[in-house]
Amino acid sequence: MGGKLTYRDDILLLSAKALERFVHRWVATRMIDYMDHYEFGDSSDMGRDVGGFVTAARHEGEWDNFQCKKLAKPLDAPTLFEEVGKILHFAAEGHFTAPRKYFFVAPKGFNRSAEELLHNPERFRATMLAEWDTRCARKIRSNGEHVPMTPALQRLIKRHPFRNIEGWDVDKMLALPGMDLVLADTFGDDPGQAPGGSVPVGVADEEAVYVGQLVSIYSDHAGIPFADADAVMDHPEHGMHLAMQRRRYYDTDAFRRHFRDNLDPEHLRHFNDEVHAGVFETYAATSGFDRLTQVMDRAGRLDVTGIFGRHRRASVQVRQGTCHHLANEGVMPWKKP
């Protein structure tokens, strides 16, 4: 996948609102870090653009703030004081807890004075305390009203972890974990390889429908009334065949889970629809064991479009296994009861 240097310009050209949505999309992929997320980003956001909530308590518990700055030049020190001062003021008023971490997302980066504040958090704190009136007081409210340093605000500034205030330029954004998938969603980039599936020893409840249909097909084809999947697995020919079908099912299951959690669901819906349409004529013209083998052959040779086809991220097994999922879901059963 590489460093995504070709997407620097795409990010730099995002509008202010598109940048917020881009960052929100990335936060939404970080469910290992956040149990919920929200995009604020309007005139009454009180210094919040995107919030990542660590617990179900949301604004009454730990949360991280992502402040997006679409600027024509690098972000400067006055902007840092204005934005951090704003969110701490409203936190001190009780609108929400102060954020655990604060991320300035400024694709064009930070000038020297802003970098010095970000790299020297105690200096940032001390300057805000000493120079609130000149740097922050008239920047909090849109009408320029003077906002004094209250005892509650002073206490909050003194204890707030300024070391947790970070700055992200475009290159740091591109290096974030999971960014490949956000780039894929936004710009049609390669979403990467999905992990392979893990096939359980016994048939799980989730695959019982299509496996039951296959047991019936194998029984008809072999002229042997197989009692269940275990009986098929003991057969010298059909056992190997069934094992391959289950591998295809679980490779597709892993593919679906991986991209369902990281991409817009529309990509998977489009892929499933294309596989269904691509094999349907073969499916409709056949039955029994011939249906199974011919549909598998057709699916394996199928060309799909969209993000998975463009970057060849849907393997032969995944395309074939999708047919088993369609059977399992009742869309295209291998054999009707």
C-alpha atoms as a PDB file:
ATOM      1  CA  MET A   1       0.000   0.000   0.000  1.00  0.00           C
ATOM      2  CA  GLY A   2       2.891   2.394   0.696  1.00  0.00           C
ATOM      3  CA  GLY A   3       2.807   5.847   2.202  1.00  0.00           C
ATOM      4  CA  LYS A   4      -0.121   7.144   0.183  1.00  0.00           C
ATOM      5  CA  LEU A   5       1.901  10.130  -0.989  1.00  0.00           C
ATOM      6  CA  THR A   6      -0.303  10.327  -4.073  1.00  0.00           C
ATOM      7  CA  TYR A   7      -3.215  11.265  -1.818  1.00  0.00           C
ATOM      8  CA  ARG A   8      -1.557  14.266  -0.158  1.00  0.00           C
ATOM      9  CA  ASP A   9      -3.076  16.627  -2.702  1.00  0.00           C
ATOM     10  CA  ASP A  10      -6.525  15.025  -2.423  1.00  0.00           C
ATOM     11  CA  ILE A  11      -6.582  15.656   1.318  1.00  0.00           C
ATOM     12  CA  LEU A  12      -5.227  19.183   0.923  1.00  0.00           C
ATOM     13  CA  LEU A  13      -8.043  19.946  -1.532  1.00  0.00           C
ATOM     14  CA  LEU A  14     -10.849  18.758   0.783  1.00  0.00           C
ATOM     15  CA  SER A  15     -13.288  21.479   1.807  1.00  0.00           C
ATOM     16  CA  ALA A  16     -13.675  22.346   5.494  1.00  0.00           C
ATOM     17  CA  LYS A  17     -16.801  20.203   5.840  1.00  0.00           C
ATOM     18  CA  ALA A  18     -15.310  17.362   3.785  1.00  0.00           C
ATOM     19  CA  LEU A  19     -12.245  17.375   6.047  1.00  0.00           C
ATOM     20  CA  GLU A  20     -14.500  16.992   9.108  1.00  0.00           C
ATOM     21  CA  ARG A  21     -16.312  14.091   7.447  1.00  0.00           C
ATOM     22  CA  PHE A  22     -12.999  12.501   6.474  1.00  0.00           C
ATOM     23  CA  VAL A  23     -11.759  12.680  10.076  1.00  0.00           C
ATOM     24  CA  HIS A  24     -15.105  11.448  11.399  1.00  0.00           C
ATOM     25  CA  ARG A  25     -14.891   8.467   9.061  1.00  0.00           C
ATOM     26  CA  TRP A  26     -11.460   7.623  10.462  1.00  0.00           C
ATOM     27  CA  VAL A  27     -12.669   7.970  14.072  1.00  0.00           C
ATOM     28  CA  ALA A  28     -15.582   5.658  13.215  1.00  0.00           C
ATOM     29  CA  THR A  29     -13.098   2.922  12.243  1.00  0.00           C
ATOM     30  CA  ARG A  30     -11.333   3.132  15.612  1.00  0.00           C
ATOM     31  CA  MET A  31     -13.816   1.103  17.607  1.00  0.00           C
ATOM     32  CA  ILE A  32     -10.867  -0.368  19.482  1.00  0.00           C
ATOM     33  CA  ASP A  33     -10.456   3.123  20.972  1.00  0.00           C
ATOM     34  CA  TYR A  34     -14.010   4.503  20.990  1.00  0.00           C
ATOM     35  CA  MET A  35     -17.386   2.997  21.756  1.00  0.00           C
ATOM     36  CA  ASP A  36     -19.160   5.851  19.934  1.00  0.00           C
ATOM     37  CA  HIS A  37     -18.427   8.967  17.912  1.00  0.00           C
ATOM     38  CA  TYR A  38     -20.177  12.118  16.761  1.00  0.00           C
ATOM     39  CA  GLU A  39     -19.631  14.933  14.269  1.00  0.00           C
ATOM     40  CA  PHE A  40     -20.498  18.373  15.646  1.00  0.00           C
ATOM     41  CA  GLY A  41     -18.953  20.953  13.331  1.00  0.00           C
ATOM     42  CA  ASP A  42     -21.461  23.832  13.322  1.00  0.00           C
ATOM     43  CA  SER A  43     -21.543  27.381  14.668  1.00  0.00           C
ATOM     44  CA  SER A  44     -22.608  26.174  18.128  1.00  0.00           C
ATOM     45  CA  ASP A  45     -20.078  23.345  18.479  1.00  0.00           C
ATOM     46  CA  MET A  46     -18.294  25.027  21.432  1.00  0.00           C
ATOM     47  CA  GLY A  47     -14.903  24.056  20.036  1.00  0.00           C
ATOM     48  CA  ARG A  48     -15.790  20.512  18.946  1.00  0.00           C
ATOM     49  CA  ASP A  49     -15.703  19.195  15.385  1.00  0.00           C
ATOM     50  CA  VAL A  50     -15.567  15.411  15.903  1.00  0.00           C
ATOM     51  CA  GLY A  51     -15.788  13.602  19.215  1.00  0.00           C
ATOM     52  CA  GLY A  52     -14.620  10.086  19.984  1.00  0.00           C
ATOM     53  CA  PHE A  53     -16.327   8.770  23.135  1.00  0.00           C
ATOM     54  CA  VAL A  54     -14.374   6.282  25.225  1.00  0.00           C
ATOM     55  CA  THR A  55     -17.351   5.107  27.316  1.00  0.00           C
ATOM     56  CA  ALA A  56     -21.129   5.078  27.215  1.00  0.00           C
ATOM     57  CA  ALA A  57     -21.033   8.125  29.503  1.00  0.00           C
ATOM     58  CA  ARG A  58     -20.040  10.109  26.388  1.00  0.00           C
ATOM     59  CA  HIS A  59     -19.574  13.772  27.386  1.00  0.00           C
ATOM     60  CA  GLU A  60     -19.845  12.897  31.049  1.00  0.00           C
ATOM     61  CA  GLY A  61     -16.875  10.536  30.756  1.00  0.00           C
ATOM     62  CA  GLU A  62     -13.612  10.382  28.854  1.00  0.00           C
ATOM     63  CA  TRP A  63     -13.650  11.566  25.265  1.00  0.00           C
ATOM     64  CA  ASP A  64     -11.254  12.896  22.644  1.00  0.00           C
ATOM     65  CA  ASN A  65     -11.756  16.022  20.558  1.00  0.00           C
ATOM     66  CA  PHE A  66     -10.731  16.362  16.920  1.00  0.00           C
ATOM     67  CA  GLN A  67     -10.585  19.966  15.757  1.00  0.00           C
ATOM     68  CA  CYS A  68     -10.301  20.213  11.973  1.00  0.00           C
ATOM     69  CA  LYS A  69      -8.676  23.255  10.407  1.00  0.00           C
ATOM     70  CA  LYS A  70      -8.931  23.723   6.665  1.00  0.00           C
ATOM     71  CA  LEU A  71      -6.588  26.703   6.263  1.00  0.00           C
ATOM     72  CA  ALA A  72      -4.746  28.329   3.372  1.00  0.00           C
ATOM     73  CA  LYS A  73      -1.556  28.391   5.435  1.00  0.00           C
ATOM     74  CA  PRO A  74      -0.062  26.519   8.409  1.00  0.00           C
ATOM     75  CA  LEU A  75      -1.984  26.815  11.674  1.00  0.00           C
ATOM     76  CA  ASP A  76      -0.558  29.444  14.030  1.00  0.00           C
ATOM     77  CA  ALA A  77      -0.209  29.968  17.786  1.00  0.00           C
ATOM     78  CA  PRO A  78      -3.189  32.372  18.132  1.00  0.00           C
ATOM     79  CA  THR A  79      -5.451  29.642  16.745  1.00  0.00           C
ATOM     80  CA  LEU A  80      -4.142  27.143  19.291  1.00  0.00           C
ATOM     81  CA  PHE A  81      -4.867  29.519  22.164  1.00  0.00           C
ATOM     82  CA  GLU A  82      -8.305  30.375  20.770  1.00  0.00           C
ATOM     83  CA  GLU A  83      -9.451  26.788  20.267  1.00  0.00           C
ATOM     84  CA  VAL A  84      -8.023  25.240  23.431  1.00  0.00           C
ATOM     85  CA  GLY A  85      -9.217  28.218  25.457  1.00  0.00           C
ATOM     86  CA  LYS A  86     -12.686  27.851  23.989  1.00  0.00           C
ATOM     87  CA  ILE A  87     -13.129  24.174  24.808  1.00  0.00           C
ATOM     88  CA  LEU A  88     -11.717  24.537  28.323  1.00  0.00           C
ATOM     89  CA  HIS A  89     -14.005  27.512  28.967  1.00  0.00           C
ATOM     90  CA  PHE A  90     -17.124  25.551  28.009  1.00  0.00           C
ATOM     91  CA  ALA A  91     -15.884  22.523  29.953  1.00  0.00           C
ATOM     92  CA  ALA A  92     -15.436  24.726  33.011  1.00  0.00           C
ATOM     93  CA  GLU A  93     -19.021  25.944  32.555  1.00  0.00           C
ATOM     94  CA  GLY A  94     -20.167  22.297  32.770  1.00  0.00           C
ATOM     95  CA  HIS A  95     -21.274  21.671  29.170  1.00  0.00           C
ATOM     96  CA  PHE A  96     -19.020  18.600  28.976  1.00  0.00           C
ATOM     97  CA  THR A  97     -15.948  17.148  30.617  1.00  0.00           C
ATOM     98  CA  ALA A  98     -12.653  18.450  29.284  1.00  0.00           C
ATOM     99  CA  PRO A  99     -11.381  16.144  26.528  1.00  0.00           C
ATOM    100  CA  ARG A 100      -8.899  13.451  27.463  1.00  0.00           C
ATOM    101  CA  LYS A 101      -6.951  14.210  24.276  1.00  0.00           C
ATOM    102  CA  TYR A 102      -7.142  17.073  21.819  1.00  0.00           C
ATOM    103  CA  PHE A 103      -6.081  16.635  18.180  1.00  0.00           C
ATOM    104  CA  PHE A 104      -5.625  19.580  15.848  1.00  0.00           C
ATOM    105  CA  VAL A 105      -6.069  18.216  12.339  1.00  0.00           C
ATOM    106  CA  ALA A 106      -4.471  20.793  10.036  1.00  0.00           C
ATOM    107  CA  PRO A 107      -3.429  19.266   6.698  1.00  0.00           C
ATOM    108  CA  LYS A 108      -1.131  22.206   5.853  1.00  0.00           C
ATOM    109  CA  GLY A 109       0.682  21.809   9.138  1.00  0.00           C
ATOM    110  CA  PHE A 110       1.771  24.236  11.850  1.00  0.00           C
ATOM    111  CA  ASN A 111       4.016  27.278  11.844  1.00  0.00           C
ATOM    112  CA  ARG A 112       7.049  27.589  14.112  1.00  0.00           C
ATOM    113  CA  SER A 113       5.251  29.311  16.999  1.00  0.00           C
ATOM    114  CA  ALA A 114       2.449  26.713  16.992  1.00  0.00           C
ATOM    115  CA  GLU A 115       4.948  23.842  16.900  1.00  0.00           C
ATOM    116  CA  GLU A 116       6.786  25.299  19.891  1.00  0.00           C
ATOM    117  CA  LEU A 117       3.569  25.319  21.916  1.00  0.00           C
ATOM    118  CA  LEU A 118       2.680  21.744  20.922  1.00  0.00           C
ATOM    119  CA  HIS A 119       6.190  20.539  21.779  1.00  0.00           C
ATOM    120  CA  ASN A 120       6.333  22.453  25.077  1.00  0.00           C
ATOM    121  CA  PRO A 121       3.013  21.751  26.813  1.00  0.00           C
ATOM    122  CA  GLU A 122       3.907  23.348  30.149  1.00  0.00           C
ATOM    123  CA  ARG A 123       4.885  26.558  28.384  1.00  0.00           C
ATOM    124  CA  PHE A 124       1.528  26.409  26.584  1.00  0.00           C
ATOM    125  CA  ARG A 125      -0.287  26.080  29.929  1.00  0.00           C
ATOM    126  CA  ALA A 126       1.707  28.824  31.659  1.00  0.00           C
ATOM    127  CA  THR A 127       1.205  31.277  28.796  1.00  0.00           C
ATOM    128  CA  MET A 128      -2.537  30.665  28.716  1.00  0.00           C
ATOM    129  CA  LEU A 129      -2.804  31.277  32.445  1.00  0.00           C
ATOM    130  CA  ALA A 130      -0.677  34.422  32.331  1.00  0.00           C
ATOM    131  CA  GLU A 131      -2.053  35.929  29.126  1.00  0.00           C
ATOM    132  CA  TRP A 132      -5.696  34.832  29.045  1.00  0.00           C
ATOM    133  CA  ASP A 133      -7.028  38.363  28.591  1.00  0.00           C
ATOM    134  CA  THR A 134      -4.878  39.145  25.554  1.00  0.00           C
ATOM    135  CA  ARG A 135      -4.860  35.724  23.873  1.00  0.00           C
ATOM    136  CA  CYS A 136      -8.216  34.117  24.654  1.00  0.00           C
ATOM    137  CA  ALA A 137     -10.771  36.315  26.387  1.00  0.00           C
ATOM    138  CA  ARG A 138     -12.294  37.870  23.244  1.00  0.00           C
ATOM    139  CA  LYS A 139     -11.907  34.759  21.068  1.00  0.00           C
ATOM    140  CA  ILE A 140     -14.342  32.464  22.874  1.00  0.00           C
ATOM    141  CA  ARG A 141     -17.684  33.904  21.764  1.00  0.00           C
ATOM    142  CA  SER A 142     -18.525  34.821  18.192  1.00  0.00           C
ATOM    143  CA  ASN A 143     -19.598  38.351  19.178  1.00  0.00           C
ATOM    144  CA  GLY A 144     -16.187  39.128  20.690  1.00  0.00           C
ATOM    145  CA  GLU A 145     -17.602  39.476  24.214  1.00  0.00           C
ATOM    146  CA  HIS A 146     -14.915  39.470  26.893  1.00  0.00           C
ATOM    147  CA  VAL A 147     -14.830  36.129  28.744  1.00  0.00           C
ATOM    148  CA  PRO A 148     -12.923  36.485  32.029  1.00  0.00           C
ATOM    149  CA  MET A 149     -10.766  33.862  33.701  1.00  0.00           C
ATOM    150  CA  THR A 150     -13.010  32.372  36.388  1.00  0.00           C
ATOM    151  CA  PRO A 151     -11.729  30.364  39.363  1.00  0.00           C
ATOM    152  CA  ALA A 152     -13.234  27.179  37.852  1.00  0.00           C
ATOM    153  CA  LEU A 153     -11.521  27.816  34.505  1.00  0.00           C
ATOM    154  CA  GLN A 154      -8.226  28.569  36.191  1.00  0.00           C
ATOM    155  CA  ARG A 155      -8.380  25.310  38.131  1.00  0.00           C
ATOM    156  CA  LEU A 156      -9.193  23.391  34.981  1.00  0.00           C
ATOM    157  CA  ILE A 157      -6.323  24.916  32.998  1.00  0.00           C
ATOM    158  CA  LYS A 158      -3.904  24.120  35.837  1.00  0.00           C
ATOM    159  CA  ARG A 159      -4.826  20.446  35.912  1.00  0.00           C
ATOM    160  CA  HIS A 160      -5.558  19.816  32.233  1.00  0.00           C
ATOM    161  CA  PRO A 161      -3.023  17.488  30.503  1.00  0.00           C
ATOM    162  CA  PHE A 162      -1.613  19.880  27.894  1.00  0.00           C
ATOM    163  CA  ARG A 163       0.784  17.085  26.912  1.00  0.00           C
ATOM    164  CA  ASN A 164      -2.235  15.382  25.308  1.00  0.00           C
ATOM    165  CA  ILE A 165      -2.692  18.176  22.768  1.00  0.00           C
ATOM    166  CA  GLU A 166      -1.340  17.013  19.398  1.00  0.00           C
ATOM    167  CA  GLY A 167      -1.067  18.362  15.884  1.00  0.00           C
ATOM    168  CA  TRP A 168      -1.605  16.282  12.735  1.00  0.00           C
ATOM    169  CA  ASP A 169      -0.519  17.493   9.311  1.00  0.00           C
ATOM    170  CA  VAL A 170      -1.328  15.637   6.096  1.00  0.00           C
ATOM    171  CA  ASP A 171       1.688  13.332   6.330  1.00  0.00           C
ATOM    172  CA  LYS A 172       0.833  12.310   9.882  1.00  0.00           C
ATOM    173  CA  MET A 173      -2.765  11.712   8.810  1.00  0.00           C
ATOM    174  CA  LEU A 174      -1.597   9.372   6.056  1.00  0.00           C
ATOM    175  CA  ALA A 175       0.443   7.353   8.553  1.00  0.00           C
ATOM    176  CA  LEU A 176      -2.449   6.781  10.992  1.00  0.00           C
ATOM    177  CA  PRO A 177      -3.532   3.173  11.617  1.00  0.00           C
ATOM    178  CA  GLY A 178      -6.552   2.249   9.528  1.00  0.00           C
ATOM    179  CA  MET A 179      -6.116   5.224   7.187  1.00  0.00           C
ATOM    180  CA  ASP A 180      -5.850   2.897   4.164  1.00  0.00           C
ATOM    181  CA  LEU A 181      -9.514   1.994   4.554  1.00  0.00           C
ATOM    182  CA  VAL A 182     -10.630   5.618   4.922  1.00  0.00           C
ATOM    183  CA  LEU A 183      -8.692   6.551   1.790  1.00  0.00           C
ATOM    184  CA  ALA A 184     -10.383   3.641   0.043  1.00  0.00           C
ATOM    185  CA  ASP A 185     -13.812   4.910   1.034  1.00  0.00           C
ATOM    186  CA  THR A 186     -13.090   8.532   0.164  1.00  0.00           C
ATOM    187  CA  PHE A 187     -10.898   8.367  -2.914  1.00  0.00           C
ATOM    188  CA  GLY A 188     -11.341   4.815  -4.214  1.00  0.00           C
ATOM    189  CA  ASP A 189      -7.937   3.686  -3.005  1.00  0.00           C
ATOM    190  CA  ASP A 190      -6.886   0.059  -2.525  1.00  0.00           C
ATOM    191  CA  PRO A 191      -8.581  -1.176   0.679  1.00  0.00           C
ATOM    192  CA  GLY A 192      -5.917  -3.819   1.285  1.00  0.00           C
ATOM    193  CA  GLN A 193      -6.125  -7.545   1.784  1.00  0.00           C
ATOM    194  CA  ALA A 194      -8.758  -9.053   4.057  1.00  0.00           C
ATOM    195  CA  PRO A 195      -7.625 -11.803   6.433  1.00  0.00           C
ATOM    196  CA  GLY A 196      -8.327 -15.419   5.561  1.00  0.00           C
ATOM    197  CA  GLY A 197     -11.065 -17.358   7.260  1.00  0.00           C
ATOM    198  CA  SER A 198     -10.756 -19.941  10.001  1.00  0.00           C
ATOM    199  CA  VAL A 199     -12.856 -23.063   9.477  1.00  0.00           C
ATOM    200  CA  PRO A 200     -14.195 -24.687  12.674  1.00  0.00           C
ATOM    201  CA  VAL A 201     -14.030 -28.463  12.991  1.00  0.00           C
ATOM    202  CA  GLY A 202     -17.761 -28.923  13.363  1.00  0.00           C
ATOM    203  CA  VAL A 203     -20.529 -27.202  11.446  1.00  0.00           C
ATOM    204  CA  ALA A 204     -21.504 -23.996  13.268  1.00  0.00           C
ATOM    205  CA  ASP A 205     -25.087 -22.817  13.626  1.00  0.00           C
ATOM    206  CA  GLU A 206     -24.401 -19.856  11.335  1.00  0.00           C
ATOM    207  CA  GLU A 207     -23.631 -22.137   8.355  1.00  0.00           C
ATOM    208  CA  ALA A 208     -26.231 -24.803   9.027  1.00  0.00           C
ATOM    209  CA  VAL A 209     -28.603 -23.776   6.226  1.00  0.00           C
ATOM    210  CA  TYR A 210     -26.309 -24.000   3.225  1.00  0.00           C
ATOM    211  CA  VAL A 211     -24.446 -27.031   4.623  1.00  0.00           C
ATOM    212  CA  GLY A 212     -27.758 -28.844   5.098  1.00  0.00           C
ATOM    213  CA  GLN A 213     -28.615 -28.118   1.464  1.00  0.00           C
ATOM    214  CA  LEU A 214     -25.226 -29.468   0.369  1.00  0.00           C
ATOM    215  CA  VAL A 215     -25.705 -32.658   2.411  1.00  0.00           C
ATOM    216  CA  SER A 216     -28.922 -33.264   0.502  1.00  0.00           C
ATOM    217  CA  ILE A 217     -27.207 -32.607  -2.836  1.00  0.00           C
ATOM    218  CA  TYR A 218     -24.351 -34.982  -2.011  1.00  0.00           C
ATOM    219  CA  SER A 219     -26.881 -37.648  -0.984  1.00  0.00           C
ATOM    220  CA  ASP A 220     -28.685 -37.364  -4.313  1.00  0.00           C
ATOM    221  CA  HIS A 221     -25.474 -37.390  -6.318  1.00  0.00           C
ATOM    222  CA  ALA A 222     -23.857 -40.336  -4.524  1.00  0.00           C
ATOM    223  CA  GLY A 223     -27.068 -42.304  -4.097  1.00  0.00           C
ATOM    224  CA  ILE A 224     -26.270 -42.514  -0.387  1.00  0.00           C
ATOM    225  CA  PRO A 225     -28.576 -40.942   2.239  1.00  0.00           C
ATOM    226  CA  PHE A 226     -25.964 -39.014   4.257  1.00  0.00           C
ATOM    227  CA  ALA A 227     -27.300 -38.343   7.749  1.00  0.00           C
ATOM    228  CA  ASP A 228     -25.372 -35.124   8.267  1.00  0.00           C
ATOM    229  CA  ALA A 229     -22.204 -33.199   7.387  1.00  0.00           C
ATOM    230  CA  ASP A 230     -20.035 -35.534   9.456  1.00  0.00           C
ATOM    231  CA  ALA A 231     -21.179 -38.451   7.336  1.00  0.00           C
ATOM    232  CA  VAL A 232     -20.315 -36.537   4.160  1.00  0.00           C
ATOM    233  CA  MET A 233     -16.879 -35.698   5.571  1.00  0.00           C
ATOM    234  CA  ASP A 234     -16.174 -39.427   5.938  1.00  0.00           C
ATOM    235  CA  HIS A 235     -16.837 -39.985   2.221  1.00  0.00           C
ATOM    236  CA  PRO A 236     -13.580 -40.237   0.189  1.00  0.00           C
ATOM    237  CA  GLU A 237     -14.707 -37.795  -2.517  1.00  0.00           C
ATOM    238  CA  HIS A 238     -17.535 -35.685  -1.166  1.00  0.00           C
ATOM    239  CA  GLY A 239     -15.745 -35.136   2.140  1.00  0.00           C
ATOM    240  CA  MET A 240     -12.939 -33.247   0.384  1.00  0.00           C
ATOM    241  CA  HIS A 241     -15.498 -31.364  -1.705  1.00  0.00           C
ATOM    242  CA  LEU A 242     -17.499 -30.242   1.324  1.00  0.00           C
ATOM    243  CA  ALA A 243     -14.315 -29.157   3.112  1.00  0.00           C
ATOM    244  CA  MET A 244     -13.512 -26.866   0.179  1.00  0.00           C
ATOM    245  CA  GLN A 245     -17.021 -25.347   0.244  1.00  0.00           C
ATOM    246  CA  ARG A 246     -16.693 -24.579   3.952  1.00  0.00           C
ATOM    247  CA  ARG A 247     -13.299 -22.980   3.407  1.00  0.00           C
ATOM    248  CA  ARG A 248     -14.848 -20.750   0.745  1.00  0.00           C
ATOM    249  CA  TYR A 249     -17.695 -19.818   3.096  1.00  0.00           C
ATOM    250  CA  TYR A 250     -15.346 -18.822   5.926  1.00  0.00           C
ATOM    251  CA  ASP A 251     -12.945 -16.907   3.671  1.00  0.00           C
ATOM    252  CA  THR A 252     -15.949 -14.889   2.565  1.00  0.00           C
ATOM    253  CA  ASP A 253     -17.108 -14.531   6.147  1.00  0.00           C
ATOM    254  CA  ALA A 254     -13.719 -13.039   7.121  1.00  0.00           C
ATOM    255  CA  PHE A 255     -13.808 -10.777   4.042  1.00  0.00           C
ATOM    256  CA  ARG A 256     -17.285  -9.495   4.925  1.00  0.00           C
ATOM    257  CA  ARG A 257     -16.472  -8.893   8.576  1.00  0.00           C
ATOM    258  CA  HIS A 258     -13.256  -7.051   7.798  1.00  0.00           C
ATOM    259  CA  PHE A 259     -14.686  -4.680   5.223  1.00  0.00           C
ATOM    260  CA  ARG A 260     -18.089  -4.319   6.885  1.00  0.00           C
ATOM    261  CA  ASP A 261     -16.358  -2.820   9.919  1.00  0.00           C
ATOM    262  CA  ASN A 262     -14.067  -0.550   7.909  1.00  0.00           C
ATOM    263  CA  LEU A 263     -15.796   0.559   4.713  1.00  0.00           C
ATOM    264  CA  ASP A 264     -19.090   2.055   3.684  1.00  0.00           C
ATOM    265  CA  PRO A 265     -21.557  -0.900   3.550  1.00  0.00           C
ATOM    266  CA  GLU A 266     -22.457   0.102  -0.001  1.00  0.00           C
ATOM    267  CA  HIS A 267     -19.192  -1.440  -1.255  1.00  0.00           C
ATOM    268  CA  LEU A 268     -20.190  -4.874   0.053  1.00  0.00           C
ATOM    269  CA  ARG A 269     -23.770  -4.544  -1.162  1.00  0.00           C
ATOM    270  CA  HIS A 270     -22.487  -3.726  -4.631  1.00  0.00           C
ATOM    271  CA  PHE A 271     -20.107  -6.693  -4.576  1.00  0.00           C
ATOM    272  CA  ASN A 272     -22.791  -9.146  -3.404  1.00  0.00           C
ATOM    273  CA  ASP A 273     -25.222  -7.886  -6.052  1.00  0.00           C
ATOM    274  CA  GLU A 274     -22.630  -8.337  -8.792  1.00  0.00           C
ATOM    275  CA  VAL A 275     -21.795 -11.899  -7.732  1.00  0.00           C
ATOM    276  CA  HIS A 276     -25.498 -12.739  -7.570  1.00  0.00           C
ATOM    277  CA  ALA A 277     -26.183 -11.251 -11.007  1.00  0.00           C
ATOM    278  CA  GLY A 278     -23.051 -12.790 -12.497  1.00  0.00           C
ATOM    279  CA  VAL A 279     -23.903 -16.372 -11.565  1.00  0.00           C
ATOM    280  CA  PHE A 280     -27.679 -16.205 -11.728  1.00  0.00           C
ATOM    281  CA  GLU A 281     -28.187 -17.543 -15.260  1.00  0.00           C
ATOM    282  CA  THR A 282     -25.964 -20.536 -14.506  1.00  0.00           C
ATOM    283  CA  TYR A 283     -27.776 -21.068 -11.217  1.00  0.00           C
ATOM    284  CA  ALA A 284     -31.222 -20.888 -12.848  1.00  0.00           C
ATOM    285  CA  ALA A 285     -30.336 -23.280 -15.683  1.00  0.00           C
ATOM    286  CA  THR A 286     -28.965 -26.071 -13.461  1.00  0.00           C
ATOM    287  CA  SER A 287     -29.849 -28.143 -10.422  1.00  0.00           C
ATOM    288  CA  GLY A 288     -28.306 -30.509  -7.925  1.00  0.00           C
ATOM    289  CA  PHE A 289     -24.588 -31.279  -7.983  1.00  0.00           C
ATOM    290  CA  ASP A 290     -24.237 -29.750 -11.480  1.00  0.00           C
ATOM    291  CA  ARG A 291     -25.635 -26.475 -10.136  1.00  0.00           C
ATOM    292  CA  LEU A 292     -23.074 -26.457  -7.336  1.00  0.00           C
ATOM    293  CA  THR A 293     -20.056 -27.161  -9.552  1.00  0.00           C
ATOM    294  CA  GLN A 294     -21.073 -24.912 -12.431  1.00  0.00           C
ATOM    295  CA  VAL A 295     -21.933 -21.954 -10.183  1.00  0.00           C
ATOM    296  CA  MET A 296     -18.609 -22.354  -8.379  1.00  0.00           C
ATOM    297  CA  ASP A 297     -16.807 -22.369 -11.727  1.00  0.00           C
ATOM    298  CA  ARG A 298     -18.713 -19.297 -12.941  1.00  0.00           C
ATOM    299  CA  ALA A 299     -18.104 -17.394  -9.702  1.00  0.00           C
ATOM    300  CA  GLY A 300     -14.395 -18.169  -9.837  1.00  0.00           C
ATOM    301  CA  ARG A 301     -14.133 -16.666 -13.312  1.00  0.00           C
ATOM    302  CA  LEU A 302     -16.379 -13.701 -12.578  1.00  0.00           C
ATOM    303  CA  ASP A 303     -15.075 -10.165 -13.086  1.00  0.00           C
ATOM    304  CA  VAL A 304     -16.504  -7.700 -10.583  1.00  0.00           C
ATOM    305  CA  THR A 305     -16.343  -3.919 -10.666  1.00  0.00           C
ATOM    306  CA  GLY A 306     -16.220  -1.453  -7.798  1.00  0.00           C
ATOM    307  CA  ILE A 307     -13.469  -1.061  -5.254  1.00  0.00           C
ATOM    308  CA  PHE A 308     -12.859  -4.806  -4.811  1.00  0.00           C
ATOM    309  CA  GLY A 309     -12.696  -5.503  -8.525  1.00  0.00           C
ATOM    310  CA  ARG A 310     -10.567  -2.472  -9.362  1.00  0.00           C
ATOM    311  CA  HIS A 311      -7.882  -3.519  -6.898  1.00  0.00           C
ATOM    312  CA  ARG A 312      -8.438  -7.293  -7.232  1.00  0.00           C
ATOM    313  CA  ARG A 313      -9.193  -7.728  -3.525  1.00  0.00           C
ATOM    314  CA  ALA A 314     -11.956 -10.341  -3.929  1.00  0.00           C
ATOM    315  CA  SER A 315     -10.210 -13.689  -4.335  1.00  0.00           C
ATOM    316  CA  VAL A 316     -11.596 -16.692  -6.184  1.00  0.00           C
ATOM    317  CA  GLN A 317     -12.536 -18.239  -2.832  1.00  0.00           C
ATOM    318  CA  VAL A 318     -14.367 -15.088  -1.742  1.00  0.00           C
ATOM    319  CA  ARG A 319     -16.379 -14.854  -4.950  1.00  0.00           C
ATOM    320  CA  GLN A 320     -17.295 -18.541  -4.656  1.00  0.00           C
ATOM    321  CA  GLY A 321     -17.973 -18.344  -0.944  1.00  0.00           C
ATOM    322  CA  THR A 322     -20.335 -15.435  -1.521  1.00  0.00           C
ATOM    323  CA  CYS A 323     -22.626 -17.902  -3.312  1.00  0.00           C
ATOM    324  CA  HIS A 324     -22.731 -20.032  -0.152  1.00  0.00           C
ATOM    325  CA  HIS A 325     -23.638 -16.953   1.877  1.00  0.00           C
ATOM    326  CA  LEU A 326     -26.410 -16.176  -0.599  1.00  0.00           C
ATOM    327  CA  ALA A 327     -27.635 -19.760  -0.168  1.00  0.00           C
ATOM    328  CA  ASN A 328     -27.412 -19.463   3.610  1.00  0.00           C
ATOM    329  CA  GLU A 329     -29.457 -16.248   3.490  1.00  0.00           C
ATOM    330  CA  GLY A 330     -32.171 -17.811   1.305  1.00  0.00           C
ATOM    331  CA  VAL A 331     -31.379 -15.594  -1.692  1.00  0.00           C
ATOM    332  CA  MET A 332     -30.060 -18.406  -3.871  1.00  0.00           C
ATOM    333  CA  PRO A 333     -30.533 -21.789  -2.115  1.00  0.00           C
ATOM    334  CA  TRP A 334     -28.632 -24.749  -3.474  1.00  0.00           C
ATOM    335  CA  LYS A 335     -31.659 -26.956  -3.010  1.00  0.00           C
ATOM    336  CA  LYS A 336     -35.112 -25.975  -1.879  1.00  0.00           C
ATOM    337  CA  PRO A 337     -36.710 -28.092   0.875  1.00  0.00           C
END
